Amino acid sequence: MGAEASKPQPGAKLQVIGAGLPRTGTASFAAALSILLKGPVYHGGTQICVSGDPYHVKTWMDIISHMPYKSPADRTYVMKKLKEVTDGYVAVADTPHAQFVPELMELYPEAKVVCTVRDVDA
């Protein structure tokens, strides 16, 4: 995990959706993306665990509480909240975003999806 949580940058557009699970190099991936894309990357482990900002934990608990979708209203709500939580970032990586790749692809159809993996025996 990175040492410092990213802050959203007004006007930043999500360009990369990291679909890799934790322990697959997502922190290094996020660090590289922040340099290459010249903007903040929302790395789930860092934003939620390191930042200590209760907003992130509460927001993701709220989103997950609407899963699986029980109604069209649940889906609409999740999409709205995902848009809010990703606004201002150039990329996302790690959990919990990795569990919402189809929804993120719908919200950001121009974004590239990259799935980091790890050797099973490592």
PDB file of N, CA and C in Angstrom:
ATOM      1  N   MET A   1       0.818  -1.172   0.000  1.00  0.00           N
ATOM      2  CA  MET A   1       0.000   0.000   0.000  1.00  0.00           C
ATOM      3  C   MET A   1       0.866   1.241   0.000  1.00  0.00           C
ATOM      4  N   GLY A   2       0.358   2.250  -0.629  1.00  0.00           N
ATOM      5  CA  GLY A   2       1.073   3.514  -0.643  1.00  0.00           C
ATOM      6  C   GLY A   2       1.077   4.144   0.739  1.00  0.00           C
ATOM      7  N   ALA A   3       1.973   5.085   0.950  1.00  0.00           N
ATOM      8  CA  ALA A   3       2.116   5.701   2.266  1.00  0.00           C
ATOM      9  C   ALA A   3       1.152   6.848   2.495  1.00  0.00           C
ATOM     10  N   GLU A   4       0.622   7.417   1.430  1.00  0.00           N
ATOM     11  CA  GLU A   4      -0.234   8.582   1.581  1.00  0.00           C
ATOM     12  C   GLU A   4      -1.434   8.481   0.644  1.00  0.00           C
ATOM     13  N   ALA A   5      -2.598   8.806   1.171  1.00  0.00           N
ATOM     14  CA  ALA A   5      -3.819   8.761   0.368  1.00  0.00           C
ATOM     15  C   ALA A   5      -3.848   9.916  -0.621  1.00  0.00           C
ATOM     16  N   SER A   6      -4.414   9.666  -1.788  1.00  0.00           N
ATOM     17  CA  SER A   6      -4.557  10.695  -2.817  1.00  0.00           C
ATOM     18  C   SER A   6      -5.749  11.583  -2.518  1.00  0.00           C
ATOM     19  N   LYS A   7      -5.668  12.802  -2.973  1.00  0.00           N
ATOM     20  CA  LYS A   7      -6.777  13.744  -2.856  1.00  0.00           C
ATOM     21  C   LYS A   7      -7.364  13.946  -4.257  1.00  0.00           C
ATOM     22  N   PRO A   8      -8.679  13.961  -4.369  1.00  0.00           N
ATOM     23  CA  PRO A   8      -9.267  14.173  -5.697  1.00  0.00           C
ATOM     24  C   PRO A   8      -8.876  15.531  -6.271  1.00  0.00           C
ATOM     25  N   GLN A   9      -8.739  15.561  -7.573  1.00  0.00           N
ATOM     26  CA  GLN A   9      -8.355  16.775  -8.294  1.00  0.00           C
ATOM     27  C   GLN A   9      -9.552  17.191  -9.152  1.00  0.00           C
ATOM     28  N   PRO A  10     -10.140  18.342  -8.874  1.00  0.00           N
ATOM     29  CA  PRO A  10     -11.292  18.772  -9.669  1.00  0.00           C
ATOM     30  C   PRO A  10     -10.986  18.727 -11.164  1.00  0.00           C
ATOM     31  N   GLY A  11     -11.905  18.154 -11.906  1.00  0.00           N
ATOM     32  CA  GLY A  11     -11.755  18.085 -13.351  1.00  0.00           C
ATOM     33  C   GLY A  11     -11.004  16.859 -13.855  1.00  0.00           C
ATOM     34  N   ALA A  12     -10.384  16.086 -12.962  1.00  0.00           N
ATOM     35  CA  ALA A  12      -9.669  14.883 -13.396  1.00  0.00           C
ATOM     36  C   ALA A  12     -10.672  13.867 -13.921  1.00  0.00           C
ATOM     37  N   LYS A  13     -10.301  13.206 -15.017  1.00  0.00           N
ATOM     38  CA  LYS A  13     -11.186  12.237 -15.664  1.00  0.00           C
ATOM     39  C   LYS A  13     -10.611  10.837 -15.484  1.00  0.00           C
ATOM     40  N   LEU A  14     -11.454   9.896 -15.081  1.00  0.00           N
ATOM     41  CA  LEU A  14     -10.994   8.522 -14.882  1.00  0.00           C
ATOM     42  C   LEU A  14     -10.573   7.916 -16.225  1.00  0.00           C
ATOM     43  N   GLN A  15      -9.310   7.497 -16.306  1.00  0.00           N
ATOM     44  CA  GLN A  15      -8.752   6.952 -17.543  1.00  0.00           C
ATOM     45  C   GLN A  15      -8.410   5.478 -17.446  1.00  0.00           C
ATOM     46  N   VAL A  16      -8.183   4.979 -16.213  1.00  0.00           N
ATOM     47  CA  VAL A  16      -7.794   3.579 -16.038  1.00  0.00           C
ATOM     48  C   VAL A  16      -8.564   2.977 -14.866  1.00  0.00           C
ATOM     49  N   ILE A  17      -9.116   1.791 -15.105  1.00  0.00           N
ATOM     50  CA  ILE A  17      -9.797   1.020 -14.075  1.00  0.00           C
ATOM     51  C   ILE A  17      -8.919  -0.177 -13.753  1.00  0.00           C
ATOM     52  N   GLY A  18      -8.388  -0.212 -12.545  1.00  0.00           N
ATOM     53  CA  GLY A  18      -7.571  -1.343 -12.119  1.00  0.00           C
ATOM     54  C   GLY A  18      -8.471  -2.466 -11.638  1.00  0.00           C
ATOM     55  N   ALA A  19      -8.408  -3.607 -12.309  1.00  0.00           N
ATOM     56  CA  ALA A  19      -9.270  -4.741 -11.981  1.00  0.00           C
ATOM     57  C   ALA A  19      -8.555  -5.793 -11.146  1.00  0.00           C
ATOM     58  N   GLY A  20      -7.316  -5.528 -10.753  1.00  0.00           N
ATOM     59  CA  GLY A  20      -6.552  -6.500  -9.979  1.00  0.00           C
ATOM     60  C   GLY A  20      -6.946  -6.523  -8.513  1.00  0.00           C
ATOM     61  N   LEU A  21      -6.883  -7.705  -7.942  1.00  0.00           N
ATOM     62  CA  LEU A  21      -7.193  -7.879  -6.524  1.00  0.00           C
ATOM     63  C   LEU A  21      -5.998  -7.482  -5.662  1.00  0.00           C
ATOM     64  N   PRO A  22      -6.219  -7.304  -4.353  1.00  0.00           N
ATOM     65  CA  PRO A  22      -5.095  -6.983  -3.466  1.00  0.00           C
ATOM     66  C   PRO A  22      -3.985  -8.032  -3.571  1.00  0.00           C
ATOM     67  N   ARG A  23      -2.768  -7.594  -3.302  1.00  0.00           N
ATOM     68  CA  ARG A  23      -1.566  -8.445  -3.331  1.00  0.00           C
ATOM     69  C   ARG A  23      -1.165  -8.843  -4.752  1.00  0.00           C
ATOM     70  N   THR A  24      -1.614  -8.067  -5.737  1.00  0.00           N
ATOM     71  CA  THR A  24      -1.194  -8.314  -7.123  1.00  0.00           C
ATOM     72  C   THR A  24      -0.415  -7.128  -7.676  1.00  0.00           C
ATOM     73  N   GLY A  25       0.211  -6.366  -6.801  1.00  0.00           N
ATOM     74  CA  GLY A  25       0.999  -5.226  -7.241  1.00  0.00           C
ATOM     75  C   GLY A  25       0.183  -3.968  -7.447  1.00  0.00           C
ATOM     76  N   THR A  26      -0.979  -3.892  -6.824  1.00  0.00           N
ATOM     77  CA  THR A  26      -1.847  -2.737  -7.067  1.00  0.00           C
ATOM     78  C   THR A  26      -1.268  -1.434  -6.539  1.00  0.00           C
ATOM     79  N   ALA A  27      -0.503  -1.481  -5.459  1.00  0.00           N
ATOM     80  CA  ALA A  27       0.085  -0.238  -4.931  1.00  0.00           C
ATOM     81  C   ALA A  27       1.134   0.311  -5.896  1.00  0.00           C
ATOM     82  N   SER A  28       1.988  -0.560  -6.418  1.00  0.00           N
ATOM     83  CA  SER A  28       2.992  -0.141  -7.406  1.00  0.00           C
ATOM     84  C   SER A  28       2.312   0.329  -8.683  1.00  0.00           C
ATOM     85  N   PHE A  29       1.284  -0.398  -9.081  1.00  0.00           N
ATOM     86  CA  PHE A  29       0.501  -0.037 -10.261  1.00  0.00           C
ATOM     87  C   PHE A  29      -0.095   1.361 -10.079  1.00  0.00           C
ATOM     88  N   ALA A  30      -0.689   1.621  -8.911  1.00  0.00           N
ATOM     89  CA  ALA A  30      -1.290   2.930  -8.639  1.00  0.00           C
ATOM     90  C   ALA A  30      -0.234   4.031  -8.636  1.00  0.00           C
ATOM     91  N   ALA A  31       0.925   3.755  -8.045  1.00  0.00           N
ATOM     92  CA  ALA A  31       2.002   4.754  -8.017  1.00  0.00           C
ATOM     93  C   ALA A  31       2.463   5.090  -9.434  1.00  0.00           C
ATOM     94  N   ALA A  32       2.607   4.061 -10.266  1.00  0.00           N
ATOM     95  CA  ALA A  32       3.027   4.291 -11.654  1.00  0.00           C
ATOM     96  C   ALA A  32       1.977   5.094 -12.417  1.00  0.00           C
ATOM     97  N   LEU A  33       0.713   4.753 -12.218  1.00  0.00           N
ATOM     98  CA  LEU A  33      -0.348   5.483 -12.918  1.00  0.00           C
ATOM     99  C   LEU A  33      -0.394   6.952 -12.513  1.00  0.00           C
ATOM    100  N   SER A  34      -0.152   7.231 -11.234  1.00  0.00           N
ATOM    101  CA  SER A  34      -0.194   8.640 -10.806  1.00  0.00           C
ATOM    102  C   SER A  34       0.894   9.453 -11.496  1.00  0.00           C
ATOM    103  N   ILE A  35       2.031   8.819 -11.783  1.00  0.00           N
ATOM    104  CA  ILE A  35       3.116   9.501 -12.501  1.00  0.00           C
ATOM    105  C   ILE A  35       2.774   9.624 -13.991  1.00  0.00           C
ATOM    106  N   LEU A  36       2.376   8.503 -14.591  1.00  0.00           N
ATOM    107  CA  LEU A  36       2.096   8.495 -16.027  1.00  0.00           C
ATOM    108  C   LEU A  36       0.908   9.373 -16.417  1.00  0.00           C
ATOM    109  N   LEU A  37      -0.117   9.366 -15.578  1.00  0.00           N
ATOM    110  CA  LEU A  37      -1.326  10.116 -15.899  1.00  0.00           C
ATOM    111  C   LEU A  37      -1.362  11.505 -15.251  1.00  0.00           C
ATOM    112  N   LYS A  38      -0.326  11.787 -14.463  1.00  0.00           N
ATOM    113  CA  LYS A  38      -0.181  13.105 -13.819  1.00  0.00           C
ATOM    114  C   LYS A  38      -1.427  13.507 -13.022  1.00  0.00           C
ATOM    115  N   GLY A  39      -1.863  12.579 -12.160  1.00  0.00           N
ATOM    116  CA  GLY A  39      -3.037  12.885 -11.347  1.00  0.00           C
ATOM    117  C   GLY A  39      -3.215  11.884 -10.228  1.00  0.00           C
ATOM    118  N   PRO A  40      -4.218  12.121  -9.398  1.00  0.00           N
ATOM    119  CA  PRO A  40      -4.452  11.257  -8.250  1.00  0.00           C
ATOM    120  C   PRO A  40      -5.089   9.920  -8.634  1.00  0.00           C
ATOM    121  N   VAL A  41      -4.639   8.872  -7.975  1.00  0.00           N
ATOM    122  CA  VAL A  41      -5.176   7.534  -8.177  1.00  0.00           C
ATOM    123  C   VAL A  41      -5.803   7.078  -6.860  1.00  0.00           C
ATOM    124  N   TYR A  42      -7.006   6.553  -6.944  1.00  0.00           N
ATOM    125  CA  TYR A  42      -7.694   6.045  -5.762  1.00  0.00           C
ATOM    126  C   TYR A  42      -7.305   4.580  -5.605  1.00  0.00           C
ATOM    127  N   HIS A  43      -6.372   4.319  -4.699  1.00  0.00           N
ATOM    128  CA  HIS A  43      -5.970   2.948  -4.367  1.00  0.00           C
ATOM    129  C   HIS A  43      -6.760   2.574  -3.122  1.00  0.00           C
ATOM    130  N   GLY A  44      -7.623   1.587  -3.239  1.00  0.00           N
ATOM    131  CA  GLY A  44      -8.537   1.238  -2.166  1.00  0.00           C
ATOM    132  C   GLY A  44      -7.875   1.021  -0.820  1.00  0.00           C
ATOM    133  N   GLY A  45      -6.827   0.230  -0.772  1.00  0.00           N
ATOM    134  CA  GLY A  45      -6.164  -0.045   0.497  1.00  0.00           C
ATOM    135  C   GLY A  45      -5.618   1.203   1.149  1.00  0.00           C
ATOM    136  N   THR A  46      -5.046   2.079   0.359  1.00  0.00           N
ATOM    137  CA  THR A  46      -4.473   3.311   0.900  1.00  0.00           C
ATOM    138  C   THR A  46      -5.571   4.276   1.340  1.00  0.00           C
ATOM    139  N   GLN A  47      -6.548   4.484   0.476  1.00  0.00           N
ATOM    140  CA  GLN A  47      -7.608   5.444   0.793  1.00  0.00           C
ATOM    141  C   GLN A  47      -8.406   5.015   2.024  1.00  0.00           C
ATOM    142  N   ILE A  48      -8.683   3.728   2.131  1.00  0.00           N
ATOM    143  CA  ILE A  48      -9.532   3.247   3.207  1.00  0.00           C
ATOM    144  C   ILE A  48      -8.736   2.986   4.487  1.00  0.00           C
ATOM    145  N   CYS A  49      -7.616   2.293   4.377  1.00  0.00           N
ATOM    146  CA  CYS A  49      -6.864   1.876   5.568  1.00  0.00           C
ATOM    147  C   CYS A  49      -5.869   2.914   6.064  1.00  0.00           C
ATOM    148  N   VAL A  50      -5.116   3.509   5.176  1.00  0.00           N
ATOM    149  CA  VAL A  50      -4.044   4.414   5.573  1.00  0.00           C
ATOM    150  C   VAL A  50      -4.563   5.811   5.895  1.00  0.00           C
ATOM    151  N   SER A  51      -5.504   6.300   5.096  1.00  0.00           N
ATOM    152  CA  SER A  51      -5.946   7.682   5.272  1.00  0.00           C
ATOM    153  C   SER A  51      -6.649   7.897   6.609  1.00  0.00           C
ATOM    154  N   GLY A  52      -7.364   6.875   7.059  1.00  0.00           N
ATOM    155  CA  GLY A  52      -8.102   7.020   8.306  1.00  0.00           C
ATOM    156  C   GLY A  52      -9.320   7.913   8.187  1.00  0.00           C
ATOM    157  N   ASP A  53      -9.646   8.358   6.973  1.00  0.00           N
ATOM    158  CA  ASP A  53     -10.794   9.221   6.750  1.00  0.00           C
ATOM    159  C   ASP A  53     -12.061   8.362   6.763  1.00  0.00           C
ATOM    160  N   PRO A  54     -12.936   8.555   7.734  1.00  0.00           N
ATOM    161  CA  PRO A  54     -14.141   7.724   7.834  1.00  0.00           C
ATOM    162  C   PRO A  54     -15.054   7.827   6.610  1.00  0.00           C
ATOM    163  N   TYR A  55     -14.913   8.905   5.834  1.00  0.00           N
ATOM    164  CA  TYR A  55     -15.741   9.058   4.635  1.00  0.00           C
ATOM    165  C   TYR A  55     -15.606   7.845   3.722  1.00  0.00           C
ATOM    166  N   HIS A  56     -14.383   7.385   3.505  1.00  0.00           N
ATOM    167  CA  HIS A  56     -14.164   6.282   2.575  1.00  0.00           C
ATOM    168  C   HIS A  56     -14.802   4.987   3.078  1.00  0.00           C
ATOM    169  N   VAL A  57     -14.597   4.674   4.342  1.00  0.00           N
ATOM    170  CA  VAL A  57     -15.174   3.443   4.899  1.00  0.00           C
ATOM    171  C   VAL A  57     -16.696   3.512   4.852  1.00  0.00           C
ATOM    172  N   LYS A  58     -17.260   4.618   5.288  1.00  0.00           N
ATOM    173  CA  LYS A  58     -18.724   4.756   5.302  1.00  0.00           C
ATOM    174  C   LYS A  58     -19.306   4.705   3.896  1.00  0.00           C
ATOM    175  N   THR A  59     -18.642   5.355   2.954  1.00  0.00           N
ATOM    176  CA  THR A  59     -19.145   5.372   1.579  1.00  0.00           C
ATOM    177  C   THR A  59     -19.163   3.969   0.995  1.00  0.00           C
ATOM    178  N   TRP A  60     -18.073   3.222   1.171  1.00  0.00           N
ATOM    179  CA  TRP A  60     -18.025   1.869   0.613  1.00  0.00           C
ATOM    180  C   TRP A  60     -18.979   0.922   1.333  1.00  0.00           C
ATOM    181  N   MET A  61     -19.161   1.093   2.628  1.00  0.00           N
ATOM    182  CA  MET A  61     -20.147   0.277   3.342  1.00  0.00           C
ATOM    183  C   MET A  61     -21.544   0.561   2.802  1.00  0.00           C
ATOM    184  N   ASP A  62     -21.812   1.817   2.521  1.00  0.00           N
ATOM    185  CA  ASP A  62     -23.102   2.209   1.952  1.00  0.00           C
ATOM    186  C   ASP A  62     -23.300   1.585   0.574  1.00  0.00           C
ATOM    187  N   ILE A  63     -22.285   1.678  -0.272  1.00  0.00           N
ATOM    188  CA  ILE A  63     -22.386   1.099  -1.622  1.00  0.00           C
ATOM    189  C   ILE A  63     -22.615  -0.408  -1.528  1.00  0.00           C
ATOM    190  N   ILE A  64     -21.804  -1.076  -0.745  1.00  0.00           N
ATOM    191  CA  ILE A  64     -21.885  -2.542  -0.645  1.00  0.00           C
ATOM    192  C   ILE A  64     -23.205  -2.992  -0.030  1.00  0.00           C
ATOM    193  N   SER A  65     -23.803  -2.160   0.811  1.00  0.00           N
ATOM    194  CA  SER A  65     -25.087  -2.536   1.422  1.00  0.00           C
ATOM    195  C   SER A  65     -26.212  -2.645   0.392  1.00  0.00           C
ATOM    196  N   HIS A  66     -25.992  -2.101  -0.809  1.00  0.00           N
ATOM    197  CA  HIS A  66     -26.983  -2.187  -1.882  1.00  0.00           C
ATOM    198  C   HIS A  66     -26.683  -3.321  -2.862  1.00  0.00           C
ATOM    199  N   MET A  67     -25.765  -4.194  -2.471  1.00  0.00           N
ATOM    200  CA  MET A  67     -25.385  -5.327  -3.317  1.00  0.00           C
ATOM    201  C   MET A  67     -25.802  -6.624  -2.641  1.00  0.00           C
ATOM    202  N   PRO A  68     -26.136  -7.657  -3.372  1.00  0.00           N
ATOM    203  CA  PRO A  68     -26.483  -7.597  -4.793  1.00  0.00           C
ATOM    204  C   PRO A  68     -27.742  -6.758  -4.984  1.00  0.00           C
ATOM    205  N   TYR A  69     -27.917  -6.298  -6.205  1.00  0.00           N
ATOM    206  CA  TYR A  69     -29.063  -5.445  -6.493  1.00  0.00           C
ATOM    207  C   TYR A  69     -30.363  -6.192  -6.220  1.00  0.00           C
ATOM    208  N   LYS A  70     -31.231  -5.563  -5.448  1.00  0.00           N
ATOM    209  CA  LYS A  70     -32.543  -6.138  -5.172  1.00  0.00           C
ATOM    210  C   LYS A  70     -33.625  -5.448  -6.003  1.00  0.00           C
ATOM    211  N   SER A  71     -33.257  -4.305  -6.567  1.00  0.00           N
ATOM    212  CA  SER A  71     -34.212  -3.548  -7.371  1.00  0.00           C
ATOM    213  C   SER A  71     -33.442  -2.624  -8.309  1.00  0.00           C
ATOM    214  N   PRO A  72     -34.107  -2.092  -9.321  1.00  0.00           N
ATOM    215  CA  PRO A  72     -33.451  -1.106 -10.192  1.00  0.00           C
ATOM    216  C   PRO A  72     -32.979   0.118  -9.408  1.00  0.00           C
ATOM    217  N   ALA A  73     -33.691   0.446  -8.342  1.00  0.00           N
ATOM    218  CA  ALA A  73     -33.292   1.601  -7.518  1.00  0.00           C
ATOM    219  C   ALA A  73     -31.938   1.354  -6.856  1.00  0.00           C
ATOM    220  N   ASP A  74     -31.666   0.110  -6.448  1.00  0.00           N
ATOM    221  CA  ASP A  74     -30.362  -0.221  -5.864  1.00  0.00           C
ATOM    222  C   ASP A  74     -29.249   0.029  -6.877  1.00  0.00           C
ATOM    223  N   ARG A  75     -29.460  -0.426  -8.090  1.00  0.00           N
ATOM    224  CA  ARG A  75     -28.443  -0.258  -9.134  1.00  0.00           C
ATOM    225  C   ARG A  75     -28.209   1.225  -9.425  1.00  0.00           C
ATOM    226  N   THR A  76     -29.284   1.979  -9.542  1.00  0.00           N
ATOM    227  CA  THR A  76     -29.180   3.417  -9.788  1.00  0.00           C
ATOM    228  C   THR A  76     -28.401   4.094  -8.664  1.00  0.00           C
ATOM    229  N   TYR A  77     -28.692   3.700  -7.430  1.00  0.00           N
ATOM    230  CA  TYR A  77     -28.020   4.283  -6.274  1.00  0.00           C
ATOM    231  C   TYR A  77     -26.523   3.957  -6.293  1.00  0.00           C
ATOM    232  N   VAL A  78     -26.197   2.689  -6.552  1.00  0.00           N
ATOM    233  CA  VAL A  78     -24.788   2.268  -6.593  1.00  0.00           C
ATOM    234  C   VAL A  78     -24.036   3.024  -7.680  1.00  0.00           C
ATOM    235  N   MET A  79     -24.630   3.157  -8.839  1.00  0.00           N
ATOM    236  CA  MET A  79     -23.974   3.880  -9.936  1.00  0.00           C
ATOM    237  C   MET A  79     -23.716   5.337  -9.551  1.00  0.00           C
ATOM    238  N   LYS A  80     -24.680   5.964  -8.910  1.00  0.00           N
ATOM    239  CA  LYS A  80     -24.528   7.352  -8.469  1.00  0.00           C
ATOM    240  C   LYS A  80     -23.394   7.472  -7.455  1.00  0.00           C
ATOM    241  N   LYS A  81     -23.353   6.580  -6.491  1.00  0.00           N
ATOM    242  CA  LYS A  81     -22.326   6.639  -5.451  1.00  0.00           C
ATOM    243  C   LYS A  81     -20.941   6.311  -6.022  1.00  0.00           C
ATOM    244  N   LEU A  82     -20.860   5.367  -6.952  1.00  0.00           N
ATOM    245  CA  LEU A  82     -19.570   5.059  -7.593  1.00  0.00           C
ATOM    246  C   LEU A  82     -19.044   6.278  -8.343  1.00  0.00           C
ATOM    247  N   LYS A  83     -19.923   6.973  -9.018  1.00  0.00           N
ATOM    248  CA  LYS A  83     -19.524   8.185  -9.741  1.00  0.00           C
ATOM    249  C   LYS A  83     -18.994   9.228  -8.764  1.00  0.00           C
ATOM    250  N   GLU A  84     -19.684   9.394  -7.641  1.00  0.00           N
ATOM    251  CA  GLU A  84     -19.255  10.365  -6.631  1.00  0.00           C
ATOM    252  C   GLU A  84     -17.887  10.017  -6.057  1.00  0.00           C
ATOM    253  N   VAL A  85     -17.675   8.748  -5.731  1.00  0.00           N
ATOM    254  CA  VAL A  85     -16.433   8.346  -5.054  1.00  0.00           C
ATOM    255  C   VAL A  85     -15.240   8.331  -6.009  1.00  0.00           C
ATOM    256  N   THR A  86     -15.476   8.226  -7.301  1.00  0.00           N
ATOM    257  CA  THR A  86     -14.375   8.209  -8.269  1.00  0.00           C
ATOM    258  C   THR A  86     -14.122   9.573  -8.910  1.00  0.00           C
ATOM    259  N   ASP A  87     -15.017  10.500  -8.685  1.00  0.00           N
ATOM    260  CA  ASP A  87     -14.874  11.829  -9.282  1.00  0.00           C
ATOM    261  C   ASP A  87     -13.594  12.504  -8.788  1.00  0.00           C
ATOM    262  N   GLY A  88     -12.794  12.984  -9.719  1.00  0.00           N
ATOM    263  CA  GLY A  88     -11.562  13.686  -9.372  1.00  0.00           C
ATOM    264  C   GLY A  88     -10.315  12.819  -9.387  1.00  0.00           C
ATOM    265  N   TYR A  89     -10.460  11.557  -9.783  1.00  0.00           N
ATOM    266  CA  TYR A  89      -9.307  10.649  -9.854  1.00  0.00           C
ATOM    267  C   TYR A  89      -9.051  10.250 -11.307  1.00  0.00           C
ATOM    268  N   VAL A  90      -7.786  10.045 -11.656  1.00  0.00           N
ATOM    269  CA  VAL A  90      -7.437   9.633 -13.023  1.00  0.00           C
ATOM    270  C   VAL A  90      -7.460   8.122 -13.177  1.00  0.00           C
ATOM    271  N   ALA A  91      -7.424   7.408 -12.042  1.00  0.00           N
ATOM    272  CA  ALA A  91      -7.450   5.949 -12.080  1.00  0.00           C
ATOM    273  C   ALA A  91      -7.896   5.422 -10.723  1.00  0.00           C
ATOM    274  N   VAL A  92      -8.329   4.160 -10.726  1.00  0.00           N
ATOM    275  CA  VAL A  92      -8.667   3.460  -9.491  1.00  0.00           C
ATOM    276  C   VAL A  92      -7.954   2.113  -9.514  1.00  0.00           C
ATOM    277  N   ALA A  93      -7.609   1.627  -8.328  1.00  0.00           N
ATOM    278  CA  ALA A  93      -6.932   0.334  -8.235  1.00  0.00           C
ATOM    279  C   ALA A  93      -7.283  -0.345  -6.921  1.00  0.00           C
ATOM    280  N   ASP A  94      -7.230  -1.662  -6.923  1.00  0.00           N
ATOM    281  CA  ASP A  94      -7.408  -2.476  -5.729  1.00  0.00           C
ATOM    282  C   ASP A  94      -8.891  -2.570  -5.352  1.00  0.00           C
ATOM    283  N   THR A  95      -9.134  -3.316  -4.314  1.00  0.00           N
ATOM    284  CA  THR A  95     -10.463  -3.442  -3.732  1.00  0.00           C
ATOM    285  C   THR A  95     -10.813  -2.122  -3.068  1.00  0.00           C
ATOM    286  N   PRO A  96     -12.020  -1.688  -3.092  1.00  0.00           N
ATOM    287  CA  PRO A  96     -13.244  -2.329  -3.546  1.00  0.00           C
ATOM    288  C   PRO A  96     -13.587  -2.097  -5.014  1.00  0.00           C
ATOM    289  N   HIS A  97     -12.820  -1.256  -5.705  1.00  0.00           N
ATOM    290  CA  HIS A  97     -13.131  -0.983  -7.112  1.00  0.00           C
ATOM    291  C   HIS A  97     -13.104  -2.234  -7.978  1.00  0.00           C
ATOM    292  N   ALA A  98     -12.196  -3.149  -7.675  1.00  0.00           N
ATOM    293  CA  ALA A  98     -12.056  -4.358  -8.492  1.00  0.00           C
ATOM    294  C   ALA A  98     -13.342  -5.181  -8.512  1.00  0.00           C
ATOM    295  N   GLN A  99     -14.199  -4.994  -7.523  1.00  0.00           N
ATOM    296  CA  GLN A  99     -15.463  -5.723  -7.484  1.00  0.00           C
ATOM    297  C   GLN A  99     -16.568  -5.008  -8.277  1.00  0.00           C
ATOM    298  N   PHE A 100     -16.259  -3.847  -8.819  1.00  0.00           N
ATOM    299  CA  PHE A 100     -17.257  -3.057  -9.540  1.00  0.00           C
ATOM    300  C   PHE A 100     -16.799  -2.711 -10.952  1.00  0.00           C
ATOM    301  N   VAL A 101     -16.008  -3.565 -11.551  1.00  0.00           N
ATOM    302  CA  VAL A 101     -15.473  -3.285 -12.888  1.00  0.00           C
ATOM    303  C   VAL A 101     -16.583  -3.093 -13.924  1.00  0.00           C
ATOM    304  N   PRO A 102     -17.600  -3.951 -14.009  1.00  0.00           N
ATOM    305  CA  PRO A 102     -18.643  -3.708 -15.027  1.00  0.00           C
ATOM    306  C   PRO A 102     -19.341  -2.355 -14.852  1.00  0.00           C
ATOM    307  N   GLU A 103     -19.625  -2.001 -13.610  1.00  0.00           N
ATOM    308  CA  GLU A 103     -20.272  -0.719 -13.358  1.00  0.00           C
ATOM    309  C   GLU A 103     -19.356   0.448 -13.724  1.00  0.00           C
ATOM    310  N   LEU A 104     -18.077   0.337 -13.365  1.00  0.00           N
ATOM    311  CA  LEU A 104     -17.123   1.401 -13.698  1.00  0.00           C
ATOM    312  C   LEU A 104     -16.930   1.521 -15.204  1.00  0.00           C
ATOM    313  N   MET A 105     -16.943   0.385 -15.908  1.00  0.00           N
ATOM    314  CA  MET A 105     -16.832   0.430 -17.373  1.00  0.00           C
ATOM    315  C   MET A 105     -18.034   1.142 -17.988  1.00  0.00           C
ATOM    316  N   GLU A 106     -19.181   0.964 -17.393  1.00  0.00           N
ATOM    317  CA  GLU A 106     -20.372   1.652 -17.889  1.00  0.00           C
ATOM    318  C   GLU A 106     -20.286   3.159 -17.617  1.00  0.00           C
ATOM    319  N   LEU A 107     -19.801   3.514 -16.433  1.00  0.00           N
ATOM    320  CA  LEU A 107     -19.662   4.933 -16.091  1.00  0.00           C
ATOM    321  C   LEU A 107     -18.573   5.623 -16.910  1.00  0.00           C
ATOM    322  N   TYR A 108     -17.496   4.880 -17.199  1.00  0.00           N
ATOM    323  CA  TYR A 108     -16.330   5.440 -17.899  1.00  0.00           C
ATOM    324  C   TYR A 108     -15.989   4.573 -19.117  1.00  0.00           C
ATOM    325  N   PRO A 109     -16.808   4.628 -20.163  1.00  0.00           N
ATOM    326  CA  PRO A 109     -16.605   3.737 -21.316  1.00  0.00           C
ATOM    327  C   PRO A 109     -15.274   3.941 -22.051  1.00  0.00           C
ATOM    328  N   GLU A 110     -14.661   5.097 -21.907  1.00  0.00           N
ATOM    329  CA  GLU A 110     -13.386   5.357 -22.572  1.00  0.00           C
ATOM    330  C   GLU A 110     -12.182   4.869 -21.756  1.00  0.00           C
ATOM    331  N   ALA A 111     -12.408   4.521 -20.511  1.00  0.00           N
ATOM    332  CA  ALA A 111     -11.302   4.099 -19.636  1.00  0.00           C
ATOM    333  C   ALA A 111     -10.762   2.731 -20.047  1.00  0.00           C
ATOM    334  N   LYS A 112      -9.478   2.556 -19.866  1.00  0.00           N
ATOM    335  CA  LYS A 112      -8.823   1.269 -20.101  1.00  0.00           C
ATOM    336  C   LYS A 112      -8.947   0.437 -18.831  1.00  0.00           C
ATOM    337  N   VAL A 113      -9.120  -0.865 -18.985  1.00  0.00           N
ATOM    338  CA  VAL A 113      -9.178  -1.778 -17.848  1.00  0.00           C
ATOM    339  C   VAL A 113      -7.897  -2.605 -17.841  1.00  0.00           C
ATOM    340  N   VAL A 114      -7.221  -2.609 -16.695  1.00  0.00           N
ATOM    341  CA  VAL A 114      -5.982  -3.364 -16.540  1.00  0.00           C
ATOM    342  C   VAL A 114      -6.125  -4.258 -15.315  1.00  0.00           C
ATOM    343  N   CYS A 115      -5.895  -5.542 -15.525  1.00  0.00           N
ATOM    344  CA  CYS A 115      -5.998  -6.501 -14.431  1.00  0.00           C
ATOM    345  C   CYS A 115      -4.601  -7.004 -14.071  1.00  0.00           C
ATOM    346  N   THR A 116      -4.127  -6.604 -12.896  1.00  0.00           N
ATOM    347  CA  THR A 116      -2.835  -7.094 -12.424  1.00  0.00           C
ATOM    348  C   THR A 116      -3.060  -8.484 -11.822  1.00  0.00           C
ATOM    349  N   VAL A 117      -2.074  -9.354 -12.011  1.00  0.00           N
ATOM    350  CA  VAL A 117      -2.156 -10.712 -11.476  1.00  0.00           C
ATOM    351  C   VAL A 117      -0.863 -11.068 -10.774  1.00  0.00           C
ATOM    352  N   ARG A 118      -0.893 -12.180 -10.111  1.00  0.00           N
ATOM    353  CA  ARG A 118       0.275 -12.636  -9.360  1.00  0.00           C
ATOM    354  C   ARG A 118       0.446 -14.125  -9.601  1.00  0.00           C
ATOM    355  N   ASP A 119       1.684 -14.565  -9.640  1.00  0.00           N
ATOM    356  CA  ASP A 119       1.973 -15.987  -9.797  1.00  0.00           C
ATOM    357  C   ASP A 119       1.346 -16.751  -8.637  1.00  0.00           C
ATOM    358  N   VAL A 120       0.622 -17.789  -8.950  1.00  0.00           N
ATOM    359  CA  VAL A 120      -0.098 -18.573  -7.950  1.00  0.00           C
ATOM    360  C   VAL A 120       0.840 -19.156  -6.893  1.00  0.00           C
ATOM    361  N   ASP A 121       2.029 -19.542  -7.292  1.00  0.00           N
ATOM    362  CA  ASP A 121       2.978 -20.172  -6.365  1.00  0.00           C
ATOM    363  C   ASP A 121       3.807 -19.170  -5.562  1.00  0.00           C
ATOM    364  N   ALA A 122       3.713 -17.901  -5.921  1.00  0.00           N
ATOM    365  CA  ALA A 122       4.532 -16.891  -5.239  1.00  0.00           C
ATOM    366  C   ALA A 122       4.029 -16.595  -3.837  1.00  0.00           C
TER     367      ALA A 122
END
